[in-house]
Protein backbone atom coordinates (compact mmCIF):
# COMPACT_ATOMS: atom_id res chain seq x y z
CA MET A 1 0.01 -0.16 0.30
CA GLY A 2 2.80 2.71 0.76
CA LEU A 3 4.68 1.98 -2.67
CA ILE A 4 1.37 2.29 -4.16
CA ARG A 5 1.09 5.46 -2.90
CA GLY A 6 4.46 6.60 -3.21
CA GLY A 7 4.30 5.50 -6.89
CA LEU A 8 0.83 7.67 -7.22
CA THR A 9 2.53 10.83 -4.99
CA VAL A 10 5.28 10.97 -7.80
CA ILE A 11 2.93 10.78 -10.42
CA VAL A 12 0.70 13.42 -9.44
CA SER A 13 3.95 15.61 -8.77
CA ILE A 14 5.14 15.57 -12.54
CA LEU A 15 1.92 15.85 -13.43
CA ILE A 16 1.33 19.28 -11.63
CA PHE A 17 4.98 20.56 -12.37
CA ILE A 18 4.11 20.04 -16.75
CA LEU A 19 0.79 21.86 -16.13
CA LEU A 20 2.53 24.91 -14.53
CA LEU A 21 4.89 24.74 -17.05
CA ALA A 22 2.25 24.34 -19.84
CA GLY A 23 0.16 26.78 -17.99
CA GLY A 24 3.10 29.56 -18.00
CA LEU A 25 3.13 29.28 -21.60
CA PHE A 26 0.15 29.35 -22.61
CA LEU A 27 -0.78 32.55 -20.33
CA THR A 28 2.30 33.50 -22.42
CA LEU A 29 1.07 32.99 -25.73
CA GLU A 30 -2.13 34.24 -24.67
CA LYS A 31 -1.51 37.58 -23.31
CA SER A 32 0.53 38.40 -26.56
CA LEU A 33 -1.97 38.15 -28.58
CA ASP A 34 -3.53 41.03 -27.08
CA HIS A 35 -4.83 43.58 -29.90
CA ASP A 36 -2.93 46.23 -28.79
CA ILE A 37 0.11 44.46 -28.78
CA ILE A 38 -0.15 43.08 -31.94
CA GLU A 39 -1.44 46.06 -33.50
CA GLU A 40 1.63 48.16 -32.23
CA ASN A 41 4.54 45.47 -32.47
CA ILE A 42 3.10 43.30 -35.89
CA LEU A 43 0.64 45.30 -37.88
CA PRO A 44 3.29 46.71 -40.08
CA GLU A 45 4.13 43.40 -41.31
CA ILE A 46 0.46 42.31 -41.23
CA SER A 47 -0.16 45.11 -43.56
CA ARG A 48 2.39 43.91 -45.81
CA LEU A 49 0.65 40.63 -45.86
CA LEU A 50 -2.80 42.31 -46.74
CA GLU A 51 -1.17 44.67 -49.40
CA SER A 52 0.39 41.62 -51.22
CA GLU A 53 -3.31 39.56 -51.04
CA ILE A 54 -5.21 42.68 -51.80
CA ASN A 55 -3.08 45.86 -53.05
CA ILE A 56 -5.04 48.29 -51.90
CA SER A 57 -3.24 51.01 -53.03
CA LYS A 58 -3.14 49.10 -56.57
CA THR A 59 -6.99 49.29 -56.22
CA ILE A 60 -7.32 53.35 -54.78
CA SER A 61 -5.15 54.45 -58.32
CA GLN A 62 -7.13 51.91 -60.58
CA GLU A 63 -10.36 53.40 -59.01
CA SER A 64 -9.29 57.21 -59.65
CA PRO A 65 -11.33 57.92 -61.96
CA THR A 66 -14.51 56.10 -60.99
CA ILE A 67 -13.52 58.15 -57.14
CA ASP A 68 -13.35 61.41 -58.63
CA ARG A 69 -16.85 61.29 -60.60
CA HIS A 70 -18.89 60.11 -57.52
CA CYS A 71 -16.85 62.79 -54.88
CA GLN A 72 -18.40 66.13 -57.31
CA ASN A 73 -21.48 65.33 -55.54
CA ASN A 74 -21.19 62.55 -52.81
CA THR A 75 -18.85 62.91 -49.45
CA ASN A 76 -17.79 59.18 -49.08
CA TYR A 77 -17.26 56.35 -51.78
CA THR A 78 -17.86 52.81 -51.16
CA PHE A 79 -15.55 50.30 -52.91
CA LYS A 80 -17.34 47.50 -54.56
CA ASN A 81 -14.47 45.37 -55.14
CA SER A 82 -14.76 42.13 -54.00
CA GLU A 83 -11.48 41.60 -51.73
CA ILE A 84 -11.94 45.30 -50.22
CA ASN A 85 -15.69 46.13 -48.34
CA ALA A 86 -15.52 49.75 -47.45
CA THR A 87 -16.37 53.43 -47.52
CA LEU A 88 -13.86 56.14 -46.93
CA SER A 89 -14.36 59.47 -47.25
CA CYS A 90 -14.02 61.75 -50.33
CA GLU A 91 -11.72 64.09 -49.01
CA MET A 92 -9.35 61.71 -47.84
CA LEU A 93 -9.15 59.53 -51.23
CA GLN A 94 -8.36 62.43 -52.94
CA ASN A 95 -6.04 64.54 -50.60
CA ARG A 96 -4.49 61.83 -49.00
CA THR A 97 -4.32 58.43 -50.98
CA ASP A 98 -1.65 56.98 -48.33
CA SER A 99 -3.90 57.53 -45.58
CA ALA A 100 -6.57 56.33 -47.15
CA ALA A 101 -4.36 52.71 -47.91
CA ASP A 102 -3.75 52.62 -44.03
CA TYR A 103 -7.25 53.08 -43.06
CA LEU A 104 -8.12 50.29 -45.26
CA LEU A 105 -5.21 48.08 -43.89
CA GLN A 106 -6.21 48.85 -40.11
CA GLU A 107 -10.02 47.75 -41.29
CA GLU A 108 -8.70 44.75 -42.77
CA PHE A 109 -6.49 44.26 -39.50
CA GLU A 110 -9.32 44.75 -37.83
CA LYS A 111 -11.55 41.76 -39.37
CA ALA A 112 -8.83 39.39 -39.64
CA TYR A 113 -8.21 40.08 -35.78
CA TYR A 114 -11.59 39.90 -34.62
CA LYS A 115 -12.42 37.09 -37.67
CA GLU A 116 -14.56 33.85 -36.86
CA TYR A 117 -13.39 30.48 -37.43
CA SER A 118 -15.18 27.29 -38.40
CA CYS A 119 -12.19 25.74 -38.32
CA GLU A 120 -9.79 24.02 -35.48
CA PHE A 121 -6.69 26.53 -34.41
CA ILE A 122 -4.23 23.76 -35.39
CA GLU A 123 -5.92 23.44 -38.96
CA CYS A 124 -6.76 26.98 -39.47
CA LEU A 125 -3.01 27.61 -39.16
CA GLU A 126 -1.91 25.90 -42.53
CA GLU A 127 -4.32 27.25 -44.54
CA GLU A 128 -4.80 30.90 -43.18
CA PRO A 129 -1.55 32.41 -41.27
CA LEU A 130 -3.38 35.40 -40.00
CA VAL A 131 -5.27 33.17 -37.54
CA MET A 132 -2.25 32.93 -35.59
CA ILE A 133 -2.74 37.11 -34.68
CA SER A 134 -6.18 37.07 -34.17
CA GLN A 135 -8.66 36.57 -31.46
CA HIS A 136 -9.45 32.74 -32.17
CA ALA A 137 -5.93 32.24 -31.88
CA GLN A 138 -6.15 34.20 -27.84
CA THR A 139 -9.30 32.58 -27.04
CA ASN A 140 -7.71 29.50 -27.92
CA TRP A 141 -4.72 30.06 -25.77
CA ARG A 142 -6.63 31.37 -22.80
CA ASN A 143 -8.63 28.09 -22.46
CA LEU A 144 -5.90 25.82 -22.72
CA PHE A 145 -4.75 28.26 -19.65
CA LEU A 146 -7.61 28.16 -17.91
CA GLY A 147 -7.66 24.39 -18.10
CA SER A 148 -4.31 23.30 -17.42
CA ILE A 149 -4.82 25.29 -14.07
CA LEU A 150 -8.21 24.19 -13.47
CA ILE A 151 -6.46 20.82 -13.90
CA SER A 152 -3.27 21.53 -11.52
CA VAL A 153 -5.63 22.86 -8.71
CA ILE A 154 -7.94 19.43 -8.59
CA LEU A 155 -4.29 17.00 -8.78
CA LEU A 156 -2.83 19.63 -6.21
CA ALA A 157 -6.17 18.52 -3.86
CA ILE A 158 -5.27 15.00 -4.60
CA LEU A 159 -1.48 15.21 -3.81
CA LEU A 160 -2.49 16.86 -0.30
CA PHE A 161 -4.62 13.26 0.36
CA LEU A 162 -1.48 11.39 -0.90
CA VAL A 163 1.35 12.85 1.14
CA GLU A 164 1.79 11.84 4.65
CA LYS A 165 3.37 15.41 6.04
CA LYS A 166 0.77 18.10 4.98
CA LEU A 167 3.60 21.32 5.72
CA ASN A 168 5.37 20.01 2.66
CA MET A 169 2.72 20.85 -0.44
CA PRO A 170 3.68 24.74 0.37
CA ILE A 171 7.09 24.24 -0.27
CA THR A 172 6.59 21.87 -3.04
CA THR A 173 4.12 24.31 -4.73
CA GLY A 174 6.54 27.31 -4.71
CA ILE A 175 9.48 25.33 -5.74
CA PHE A 176 7.42 24.15 -8.36
CA LEU A 177 6.28 27.81 -9.42
CA ALA A 178 10.25 28.84 -8.96
CA ILE A 179 11.65 26.44 -11.41
CA THR A 180 8.88 26.45 -13.72
CA GLY A 181 8.65 30.63 -13.88
CA LEU A 182 12.73 30.18 -14.79
CA ILE A 183 11.82 28.21 -17.70
CA VAL A 184 9.45 29.86 -19.00
CA SER A 185 11.14 33.83 -18.75
CA LYS A 186 13.88 31.86 -20.75
CA ILE A 187 11.44 30.82 -23.55
CA GLY A 188 13.14 33.67 -25.78
CA VAL A 189 16.18 31.23 -25.46
CA PHE A 190 14.18 28.50 -27.51
CA LEU A 191 12.20 30.99 -29.69
CA GLY A 192 15.39 31.91 -31.05
CA PHE A 193 16.46 28.47 -32.55
CA ILE A 194 12.94 27.99 -34.65
CA LYS A 195 12.27 31.91 -35.63
CA LYS A 196 12.93 30.57 -39.57
CA SER A 197 11.40 27.23 -39.11
CA PHE A 198 7.70 27.47 -38.50
CA PHE A 199 5.74 25.60 -41.19
CA VAL A 200 4.43 28.08 -43.75
CA SER A 201 1.84 26.44 -46.36
CA GLU A 202 3.08 25.99 -49.55
CA SER A 203 -0.02 27.68 -51.20
CA LEU A 204 1.09 30.93 -50.54
CA GLY A 205 4.36 32.51 -52.97
CA ILE A 206 7.67 33.67 -52.46
CA ASP A 207 7.00 37.10 -51.12
CA GLN A 208 4.32 36.58 -48.98
CA ILE A 209 6.02 33.48 -47.61
CA ASN A 210 8.68 35.98 -46.35
CA ILE A 211 6.46 38.32 -45.05
CA VAL A 212 5.36 35.77 -43.39
CA GLN A 213 8.42 34.37 -41.46
CA ASP A 214 8.55 38.19 -40.69
CA ILE A 215 5.10 38.30 -38.75
CA MET A 216 6.77 35.11 -36.92
CA GLU A 217 9.78 36.53 -35.95
CA ASN A 218 8.29 40.10 -34.77
CA LEU A 219 5.61 37.48 -32.88
CA PHE A 220 8.49 36.00 -31.55
CA GLN A 221 9.89 39.11 -30.13
CA VAL A 222 6.88 40.21 -28.50
CA VAL A 223 6.25 36.59 -26.66
CA SER A 224 9.60 36.11 -25.57
CA THR A 225 9.05 39.63 -24.29
CA GLN A 226 5.52 38.71 -21.96
CA ALA A 227 7.57 35.19 -20.87
CA PHE A 228 10.23 36.94 -19.31
CA GLY A 229 7.60 38.96 -17.27
CA ILE A 230 5.01 36.63 -16.61
CA GLY A 231 8.39 34.20 -15.62
CA LEU A 232 9.46 36.49 -13.35
CA TRP A 233 5.94 36.68 -11.39
CA MET A 234 5.69 33.10 -11.31
CA ILE A 235 8.87 33.09 -9.88
CA ILE A 236 8.40 36.38 -7.19
CA ILE A 237 4.80 34.31 -6.66
CA GLY A 238 7.10 31.08 -6.07
CA VAL A 239 9.32 32.71 -3.06
CA ILE A 240 6.62 34.78 -1.67
CA ILE A 241 4.96 31.06 -0.40
CA LEU A 242 8.40 29.94 0.13
CA VAL A 243 9.31 32.30 2.21
CA PHE A 244 6.55 31.35 4.68
CA ALA A 245 6.53 27.99 3.91
CA ILE A 246 9.77 27.00 5.58
CA PRO A 247 9.77 29.17 8.21
CA LEU A 248 5.86 27.58 9.15
CA LYS A 249 7.45 24.60 8.59
CA ILE A 250 10.50 24.91 11.06
CA TRP A 251 7.89 26.29 13.42
CA MET A 252 5.77 23.50 13.02
CA THR A 253 8.67 21.04 13.56
CA GLY A 254 10.07 22.78 16.50
CA VAL A 255 6.35 22.70 18.39
CA GLY A 256 6.10 19.16 17.16
CA ILE A 257 9.90 18.18 18.85
CA SER A 258 8.94 20.37 22.01
CA GLU A 259 5.70 18.34 22.46
CA LYS A 260 7.15 14.93 22.06
CA PHE A 261 9.82 16.17 25.06
CA LYS A 262 6.81 17.22 27.02
CA SER A 263 5.15 14.51 26.68
CA TRP A 264 8.58 12.27 27.59
CA PHE A 265 9.11 13.98 31.08
CA SER A 266 5.07 13.98 31.61
CA LYS A 267 5.19 10.02 31.46
CA GLY A 268 8.81 9.85 33.49
CA GLU A 269 6.60 11.83 36.44
CA LYS A 270 3.50 9.90 36.53
CA LYS A 271 5.81 6.65 36.91
CA GLU A 272 7.75 8.05 39.66
CA GLU A 273 4.28 8.83 41.03
CA THR A 274 2.86 5.45 40.39
CA LYS A 275 5.20 3.85 42.15
CA PRO A 276 4.38 1.61 44.74
CA THR A 277 5.79 2.60 47.33
CA GLU A 278 7.70 -0.70 50.11
CA PRO A 279 5.48 -0.96 53.25
CA ARG A 280 7.67 -0.60 56.52
CA VAL A 281 8.39 -3.96 58.74
CA GLN A 282 7.13 -3.03 62.14
CA GLU A 283 10.40 -4.41 64.96
CA LYS A 284 9.39 -7.18 67.13
CA PRO A 285 9.24 -5.98 70.74
CA SER A 286 12.64 -7.52 72.31
CA SER A 287 12.47 -9.17 74.86
CA THR A 288 14.04 -6.23 77.61
CA SER A 289 10.58 -4.34 76.34
CA LYS A 290 8.51 -6.95 76.97
CA LEU A 291 10.00 -7.44 81.29
CA PHE A 292 8.42 -3.70 81.46
């Protein structure tokens, strides 16, 4: 029975460690795909990809005569191109073509980021590269993070029943968090080796493949930055748990030893109190005393 319990304890501990590590990675990816972070760090490369697919600047130039005629009596112009579905002001289109292209690219980015995909994340990744920086991907990583944390809590509860020394649980949890946090913070080193090896669908052109690889390189840089921050927080939380758990363990161990000494001394005193006294032997009267 003791061997089975020990084996289960080891297995559950390993699973908790793996889930904490996976949770840190999932949280890193989820935070890296925040809309504002993507827009600030990766939007220029996304614009290049969208421009290569849709060629917004060329579309605006081709429709310039139509735009000029339409804008003589109207204030807005709606593109009827199958790849562009947007309405822009005539002032922007006539006076600031670059701004119009940037505006349309921003609109296309918003559509791509918030697009609802019917396929699974991995399946979509092969056919639609932009899914990797979409809200769909962020939701995918968030669900995986929450699932890993939920399973970790359940396994910690199971481990609490398996271990005999319950005070070791906080110490073990703190050590696991600190170690996994250290690994997560160094994820950038690992990403450095796979920047250019990311799989890209062969259906894309050479220019698009190069742009997707540039997007991945920028995304890896964002992930590395987020991973360092999240890993640092995991280390701090783990150290805080250890700072409280180790003194508590020492104090409780000292109290236990003190209680044992007290019990030993109290048992000794009880033995002395309950020790039977030897009966006194009455002296026989001497022959002299009998005479008197």
